[in-house]
N, C-alpha and C. Protein backbone atom coordinates (compact mmCIF):
# COMPACT_ATOMS: atom_id res chain seq x y z
N UNK A 1 125.67 77.76 4.28
CA UNK A 1 124.33 78.01 4.71
C UNK A 1 123.93 79.41 4.37
N UNK A 2 122.61 79.58 4.29
CA UNK A 2 122.07 80.89 3.95
C UNK A 2 121.91 81.77 5.15
N UNK A 3 121.62 83.01 4.87
CA UNK A 3 121.42 83.99 5.94
C UNK A 3 120.04 83.80 6.55
N UNK A 4 119.97 84.05 7.82
CA UNK A 4 118.69 84.01 8.54
C UNK A 4 118.25 85.45 8.77
N UNK A 5 117.03 85.74 8.33
CA UNK A 5 116.49 87.10 8.49
C UNK A 5 115.53 87.11 9.66
N UNK A 6 115.70 88.08 10.50
CA UNK A 6 114.79 88.25 11.62
C UNK A 6 113.99 89.53 11.40
N UNK A 7 112.69 89.45 11.65
CA UNK A 7 111.82 90.62 11.56
C UNK A 7 111.19 90.85 12.91
N UNK A 8 111.06 92.10 13.24
CA UNK A 8 110.38 92.43 14.49
C UNK A 8 108.89 92.28 14.22
N UNK A 9 108.22 91.49 15.03
CA UNK A 9 106.81 91.18 14.81
C UNK A 9 105.94 92.42 14.87
N UNK A 10 106.17 93.37 15.78
CA UNK A 10 105.36 94.59 15.91
C UNK A 10 105.44 95.46 14.67
N UNK A 11 106.61 95.60 14.09
CA UNK A 11 106.79 96.41 12.89
C UNK A 11 106.08 95.77 11.71
N UNK A 12 106.18 94.47 11.61
CA UNK A 12 105.54 93.75 10.53
C UNK A 12 104.02 93.90 10.59
N UNK A 13 103.42 93.79 11.76
CA UNK A 13 101.96 93.93 11.92
C UNK A 13 101.51 95.35 11.58
N UNK A 14 102.28 96.33 12.00
CA UNK A 14 101.92 97.72 11.71
C UNK A 14 101.95 97.96 10.20
N UNK A 15 102.94 97.41 9.53
CA UNK A 15 103.05 97.58 8.08
C UNK A 15 101.88 96.90 7.37
N UNK A 16 101.52 95.72 7.84
CA UNK A 16 100.40 94.99 7.24
C UNK A 16 99.11 95.77 7.43
N UNK A 17 98.90 96.32 8.61
CA UNK A 17 97.69 97.12 8.87
C UNK A 17 97.64 98.34 7.95
N UNK A 18 98.74 99.00 7.78
CA UNK A 18 98.80 100.19 6.91
C UNK A 18 98.48 99.81 5.47
N UNK A 19 99.06 98.71 5.01
CA UNK A 19 98.80 98.27 3.64
C UNK A 19 97.34 97.86 3.45
N UNK A 20 96.76 97.19 4.43
CA UNK A 20 95.35 96.81 4.34
C UNK A 20 94.45 98.05 4.32
N UNK A 21 94.78 99.02 5.15
CA UNK A 21 94.00 100.25 5.19
C UNK A 21 94.04 100.95 3.83
N UNK A 22 95.21 101.05 3.25
CA UNK A 22 95.34 101.66 1.93
C UNK A 22 94.59 100.87 0.86
N UNK A 23 94.70 99.54 0.96
CA UNK A 23 94.03 98.69 -0.02
C UNK A 23 92.52 98.87 0.04
N UNK A 24 91.98 99.11 1.23
CA UNK A 24 90.54 99.30 1.37
C UNK A 24 90.12 100.73 1.03
N UNK A 25 90.97 101.71 1.32
CA UNK A 25 90.61 103.11 1.11
C UNK A 25 90.73 103.54 -0.34
N UNK A 26 91.70 103.04 -1.08
CA UNK A 26 91.91 103.48 -2.46
C UNK A 26 90.70 103.23 -3.38
N UNK A 27 90.07 102.06 -3.33
CA UNK A 27 88.89 101.88 -4.20
C UNK A 27 87.79 102.90 -3.89
N UNK A 28 87.63 103.26 -2.63
CA UNK A 28 86.62 104.25 -2.27
C UNK A 28 86.95 105.61 -2.86
N UNK A 29 88.21 105.99 -2.83
CA UNK A 29 88.64 107.26 -3.40
C UNK A 29 88.38 107.30 -4.89
N UNK A 30 88.73 106.23 -5.59
CA UNK A 30 88.54 106.19 -7.03
C UNK A 30 87.06 106.13 -7.40
N UNK A 31 86.26 105.49 -6.57
CA UNK A 31 84.83 105.40 -6.86
C UNK A 31 84.18 106.78 -6.79
N UNK A 32 84.57 107.61 -5.83
CA UNK A 32 83.98 108.94 -5.73
C UNK A 32 84.50 109.87 -6.81
N UNK A 33 85.74 109.71 -7.24
CA UNK A 33 86.30 110.56 -8.29
C UNK A 33 85.71 110.22 -9.64
N UNK A 34 85.46 108.95 -9.91
CA UNK A 34 85.00 108.56 -11.23
C UNK A 34 83.50 108.73 -11.42
N UNK A 35 82.75 109.05 -10.37
CA UNK A 35 81.32 109.26 -10.50
C UNK A 35 81.07 110.59 -11.20
N UNK A 36 80.30 110.63 -12.28
CA UNK A 36 80.05 111.88 -12.97
C UNK A 36 79.29 112.85 -12.07
N UNK A 37 79.67 114.11 -12.13
CA UNK A 37 79.02 115.11 -11.29
C UNK A 37 77.59 115.37 -11.73
N UNK A 38 77.32 115.30 -13.00
CA UNK A 38 75.98 115.60 -13.50
C UNK A 38 75.29 114.32 -13.97
N UNK A 39 75.25 113.33 -13.13
CA UNK A 39 74.66 112.06 -13.50
C UNK A 39 73.14 112.17 -13.62
N UNK A 40 72.55 113.09 -12.88
CA UNK A 40 71.10 113.25 -12.89
C UNK A 40 70.69 114.29 -13.92
N UNK A 41 69.60 114.04 -14.62
CA UNK A 41 69.09 115.01 -15.58
C UNK A 41 68.05 115.93 -14.95
N UNK A 42 67.69 115.67 -13.71
CA UNK A 42 66.70 116.49 -13.01
C UNK A 42 67.40 117.62 -12.29
N UNK A 43 66.99 118.84 -12.57
CA UNK A 43 67.54 120.00 -11.87
C UNK A 43 66.76 120.18 -10.58
N UNK A 44 67.48 120.46 -9.52
CA UNK A 44 66.82 120.63 -8.22
C UNK A 44 67.05 122.03 -7.69
N UNK A 45 66.03 122.55 -7.05
CA UNK A 45 66.20 123.78 -6.30
C UNK A 45 66.48 123.38 -4.88
N UNK A 46 66.93 124.27 -4.06
CA UNK A 46 67.36 123.95 -2.70
C UNK A 46 66.26 123.24 -1.92
N UNK A 47 66.41 121.94 -1.73
CA UNK A 47 65.54 121.11 -0.89
C UNK A 47 64.07 121.17 -1.30
N UNK A 48 63.80 121.44 -2.57
CA UNK A 48 62.41 121.52 -3.01
C UNK A 48 62.06 120.46 -4.03
N UNK A 49 62.95 119.56 -4.31
CA UNK A 49 62.68 118.51 -5.27
C UNK A 49 62.95 118.96 -6.69
N UNK A 50 62.44 118.20 -7.68
CA UNK A 50 62.71 118.52 -9.08
C UNK A 50 62.06 119.85 -9.48
N UNK A 51 62.71 120.54 -10.41
CA UNK A 51 62.18 121.79 -10.93
C UNK A 51 60.98 121.49 -11.81
N UNK A 52 59.86 122.20 -11.60
CA UNK A 52 58.70 121.97 -12.47
C UNK A 52 58.99 122.44 -13.90
N UNK A 53 58.20 121.95 -14.84
CA UNK A 53 58.35 122.38 -16.23
C UNK A 53 57.86 123.82 -16.37
N UNK A 54 58.19 124.44 -17.49
CA UNK A 54 57.73 125.81 -17.75
C UNK A 54 56.20 125.87 -17.73
N UNK A 55 55.55 124.85 -18.31
CA UNK A 55 54.08 124.81 -18.33
C UNK A 55 53.50 124.74 -16.91
N UNK A 56 54.15 123.96 -16.05
CA UNK A 56 53.68 123.85 -14.67
C UNK A 56 53.86 125.18 -13.93
N UNK A 57 55.01 125.83 -14.12
CA UNK A 57 55.26 127.12 -13.48
C UNK A 57 54.23 128.13 -13.96
N UNK A 58 53.99 128.17 -15.28
CA UNK A 58 53.01 129.09 -15.87
C UNK A 58 51.62 128.87 -15.28
N UNK A 59 51.21 127.63 -15.21
CA UNK A 59 49.89 127.29 -14.68
C UNK A 59 49.76 127.71 -13.22
N UNK A 60 50.79 127.46 -12.43
CA UNK A 60 50.76 127.82 -11.01
C UNK A 60 50.68 129.33 -10.83
N UNK A 61 51.47 130.08 -11.59
CA UNK A 61 51.43 131.54 -11.49
C UNK A 61 50.05 132.05 -11.91
N UNK A 62 49.50 131.51 -12.99
CA UNK A 62 48.18 131.94 -13.46
C UNK A 62 47.12 131.72 -12.38
N UNK A 63 47.17 130.57 -11.71
CA UNK A 63 46.22 130.27 -10.64
C UNK A 63 46.41 131.21 -9.46
N UNK A 64 47.66 131.45 -9.08
CA UNK A 64 47.95 132.34 -7.96
C UNK A 64 47.53 133.78 -8.27
N UNK A 65 47.77 134.22 -9.51
CA UNK A 65 47.38 135.58 -9.90
C UNK A 65 45.87 135.78 -9.80
N UNK A 66 45.12 134.75 -10.18
CA UNK A 66 43.66 134.85 -10.14
C UNK A 66 43.14 135.04 -8.72
N UNK A 67 43.87 134.55 -7.74
CA UNK A 67 43.45 134.63 -6.34
C UNK A 67 44.08 135.80 -5.59
N UNK A 68 45.01 136.50 -6.22
CA UNK A 68 45.82 137.50 -5.53
C UNK A 68 45.40 138.93 -5.86
N UNK A 69 45.74 139.85 -4.97
CA UNK A 69 45.50 141.29 -5.20
C UNK A 69 46.30 141.78 -6.40
N UNK A 70 47.48 141.22 -6.60
CA UNK A 70 48.31 141.71 -7.70
C UNK A 70 47.79 141.24 -9.06
N UNK A 71 46.84 140.32 -9.07
CA UNK A 71 46.25 139.88 -10.33
C UNK A 71 45.53 140.99 -11.06
N UNK A 72 45.06 141.97 -10.31
CA UNK A 72 44.33 143.11 -10.88
C UNK A 72 45.27 144.16 -11.47
N UNK A 73 46.57 144.04 -11.22
CA UNK A 73 47.56 145.00 -11.71
C UNK A 73 47.80 144.88 -13.21
N UNK A 74 47.50 143.73 -13.78
CA UNK A 74 47.72 143.53 -15.21
C UNK A 74 49.18 143.23 -15.56
N UNK A 75 49.93 142.72 -14.60
CA UNK A 75 51.32 142.36 -14.87
C UNK A 75 51.37 141.28 -15.95
N UNK A 76 52.41 141.34 -16.75
CA UNK A 76 52.67 140.32 -17.77
C UNK A 76 53.90 139.53 -17.34
N UNK A 77 53.93 138.27 -17.69
CA UNK A 77 55.09 137.44 -17.37
C UNK A 77 55.29 136.42 -18.47
N UNK A 78 56.52 135.93 -18.56
CA UNK A 78 56.81 134.82 -19.46
C UNK A 78 57.74 133.86 -18.72
N UNK A 79 57.65 132.61 -19.10
CA UNK A 79 58.47 131.56 -18.48
C UNK A 79 59.29 130.89 -19.57
N UNK A 80 60.60 130.82 -19.36
CA UNK A 80 61.48 130.14 -20.31
C UNK A 80 62.62 129.47 -19.54
N UNK A 81 62.71 128.17 -19.65
CA UNK A 81 63.77 127.37 -19.01
C UNK A 81 63.80 127.59 -17.50
N UNK A 82 62.62 127.71 -16.89
CA UNK A 82 62.53 127.88 -15.44
C UNK A 82 62.71 129.31 -14.96
N UNK A 83 62.97 130.24 -15.89
CA UNK A 83 63.17 131.65 -15.54
C UNK A 83 61.89 132.42 -15.83
N UNK A 84 61.38 133.12 -14.82
CA UNK A 84 60.17 133.93 -14.98
C UNK A 84 60.59 135.39 -15.11
N UNK A 85 60.08 136.05 -16.15
CA UNK A 85 60.35 137.47 -16.37
C UNK A 85 59.04 138.23 -16.24
N UNK A 86 59.00 139.18 -15.32
CA UNK A 86 57.81 140.01 -15.08
C UNK A 86 57.97 141.36 -15.76
N UNK A 87 56.87 141.90 -16.30
CA UNK A 87 56.81 143.23 -16.89
C UNK A 87 55.54 143.91 -16.38
N UNK A 88 55.57 145.23 -16.30
CA UNK A 88 54.37 145.97 -15.92
C UNK A 88 54.69 147.18 -15.07
N UNK A 89 53.63 147.84 -14.61
CA UNK A 89 53.75 149.04 -13.78
C UNK A 89 52.80 148.92 -12.60
N UNK A 90 53.18 149.55 -11.48
CA UNK A 90 52.35 149.51 -10.28
C UNK A 90 52.52 150.77 -9.46
N UNK A 91 51.50 151.08 -8.67
CA UNK A 91 51.57 152.18 -7.71
C UNK A 91 51.86 151.67 -6.30
N UNK A 92 51.99 150.36 -6.16
CA UNK A 92 52.23 149.74 -4.85
C UNK A 92 53.56 149.00 -4.89
N UNK A 93 54.55 149.52 -4.19
CA UNK A 93 55.90 148.94 -4.22
C UNK A 93 55.91 147.47 -3.78
N UNK A 94 55.09 147.13 -2.82
CA UNK A 94 55.06 145.75 -2.31
C UNK A 94 54.60 144.75 -3.36
N UNK A 95 53.84 145.20 -4.36
CA UNK A 95 53.35 144.28 -5.38
C UNK A 95 54.49 143.75 -6.25
N UNK A 96 55.54 144.54 -6.41
CA UNK A 96 56.71 144.07 -7.17
C UNK A 96 57.34 142.89 -6.44
N UNK A 97 57.52 143.01 -5.14
CA UNK A 97 58.08 141.91 -4.34
C UNK A 97 57.17 140.70 -4.32
N UNK A 98 55.86 140.95 -4.28
CA UNK A 98 54.91 139.84 -4.27
C UNK A 98 55.01 139.02 -5.55
N UNK A 99 55.23 139.70 -6.67
CA UNK A 99 55.36 139.00 -7.95
C UNK A 99 56.59 138.09 -7.94
N UNK A 100 57.69 138.59 -7.39
CA UNK A 100 58.91 137.79 -7.31
C UNK A 100 58.67 136.55 -6.44
N UNK A 101 58.09 136.76 -5.26
CA UNK A 101 57.83 135.63 -4.36
C UNK A 101 56.87 134.62 -4.98
N UNK A 102 55.88 135.11 -5.72
CA UNK A 102 54.92 134.23 -6.37
C UNK A 102 55.63 133.32 -7.38
N UNK A 103 56.51 133.89 -8.18
CA UNK A 103 57.22 133.10 -9.18
C UNK A 103 58.14 132.08 -8.51
N UNK A 104 58.85 132.49 -7.47
CA UNK A 104 59.73 131.56 -6.74
C UNK A 104 58.93 130.41 -6.15
N UNK A 105 57.77 130.74 -5.54
CA UNK A 105 56.97 129.68 -4.92
C UNK A 105 56.34 128.76 -5.96
N UNK A 106 56.24 129.23 -7.21
CA UNK A 106 55.72 128.39 -8.29
C UNK A 106 56.78 127.45 -8.83
N UNK A 107 58.04 127.64 -8.41
CA UNK A 107 59.11 126.74 -8.83
C UNK A 107 60.13 127.36 -9.76
N UNK A 108 60.07 128.68 -9.98
CA UNK A 108 61.04 129.32 -10.85
C UNK A 108 62.44 129.19 -10.27
N UNK A 109 63.43 128.95 -11.13
CA UNK A 109 64.81 128.86 -10.68
C UNK A 109 65.45 130.25 -10.62
N UNK A 110 64.85 131.19 -11.36
CA UNK A 110 65.32 132.57 -11.36
C UNK A 110 64.14 133.46 -11.71
N UNK A 111 64.14 134.69 -11.16
CA UNK A 111 63.09 135.66 -11.47
C UNK A 111 63.76 136.95 -11.92
N UNK A 112 63.33 137.45 -13.07
CA UNK A 112 63.77 138.76 -13.55
C UNK A 112 62.56 139.67 -13.43
N UNK A 113 62.63 140.61 -12.52
CA UNK A 113 61.48 141.46 -12.22
C UNK A 113 61.70 142.85 -12.80
N UNK A 114 61.05 143.12 -13.94
CA UNK A 114 61.14 144.42 -14.60
C UNK A 114 59.92 145.29 -14.31
N UNK A 115 59.17 144.97 -13.27
CA UNK A 115 58.00 145.77 -12.91
C UNK A 115 58.49 147.13 -12.40
N UNK A 116 57.89 148.18 -12.93
CA UNK A 116 58.28 149.55 -12.56
C UNK A 116 57.31 150.09 -11.51
N UNK A 117 57.85 150.61 -10.42
CA UNK A 117 57.04 151.23 -9.38
C UNK A 117 56.97 152.72 -9.70
N UNK A 118 55.76 153.27 -9.73
CA UNK A 118 55.57 154.68 -10.07
C UNK A 118 56.17 155.59 -9.00
N UNK A 119 56.33 156.87 -9.33
CA UNK A 119 56.84 157.86 -8.38
C UNK A 119 55.90 157.93 -7.17
N UNK A 120 54.60 157.86 -7.42
CA UNK A 120 53.61 157.88 -6.34
C UNK A 120 53.83 156.68 -5.39
N UNK A 121 54.06 155.50 -5.97
CA UNK A 121 54.29 154.30 -5.17
C UNK A 121 55.58 154.38 -4.37
N UNK A 122 56.62 154.95 -4.99
CA UNK A 122 57.90 155.11 -4.29
C UNK A 122 57.77 156.10 -3.13
N UNK A 123 57.04 157.20 -3.36
CA UNK A 123 56.85 158.20 -2.31
C UNK A 123 56.06 157.62 -1.13
N UNK A 124 55.05 156.83 -1.44
CA UNK A 124 54.24 156.20 -0.39
C UNK A 124 55.10 155.22 0.42
N UNK A 125 55.93 154.44 -0.26
CA UNK A 125 56.81 153.48 0.43
C UNK A 125 57.82 154.22 1.29
N UNK A 126 58.38 155.32 0.78
CA UNK A 126 59.36 156.11 1.55
C UNK A 126 58.72 156.71 2.78
N UNK A 127 57.48 157.20 2.66
CA UNK A 127 56.79 157.79 3.81
C UNK A 127 56.55 156.72 4.89
N UNK A 128 56.21 155.52 4.45
CA UNK A 128 55.98 154.42 5.40
C UNK A 128 57.29 154.08 6.12
N UNK A 129 58.41 154.09 5.40
CA UNK A 129 59.69 153.78 6.02
C UNK A 129 60.10 154.84 7.03
N UNK A 130 59.81 156.11 6.73
CA UNK A 130 60.17 157.19 7.66
C UNK A 130 59.43 157.04 8.98
N UNK A 131 58.19 156.58 8.93
CA UNK A 131 57.41 156.38 10.14
C UNK A 131 57.98 155.23 10.97
N UNK A 132 58.63 154.29 10.32
CA UNK A 132 59.10 153.09 10.99
C UNK A 132 60.51 153.26 11.58
N UNK A 133 61.14 154.41 11.41
CA UNK A 133 62.49 154.58 11.95
C UNK A 133 62.46 154.63 13.48
N UNK A 134 63.50 154.12 14.07
CA UNK A 134 63.60 154.07 15.53
C UNK A 134 64.66 155.08 15.96
N UNK A 135 64.28 155.94 16.90
CA UNK A 135 65.23 156.94 17.41
C UNK A 135 65.86 156.40 18.69
N UNK A 136 67.17 156.55 18.77
CA UNK A 136 67.87 156.15 19.99
C UNK A 136 68.43 157.39 20.66
N UNK A 137 68.45 157.40 21.99
CA UNK A 137 68.95 158.59 22.67
C UNK A 137 70.36 158.42 23.15
């Protein structure tokens, strides 16, 4: 006669559960690994949707400049691949920051701000900062 094999029922069930869990989990692991990282051709900025085209960014900046105080400064800009580059000179330090914010709000993915603030503008900004300092005793 042949040998009789006895299996403990609890051990067998635990092994079956482990194998089933692995069998279900492995396809999920491979599915996430095999998905291409750059499956989408649309570039997104942080929670703002698709990046606008260069023409759209240019148009938006042009419209904003026409309505803004900094439009009178005569700043020049160019848009290439979502990057806005500013050029020009100003006597108002805040106008340089305004240009950067304007380009970002128009959808630029990067802003290169080469606007130069004059010595007069820097001195005025420094004087304003000195007034804003807080003294502690």
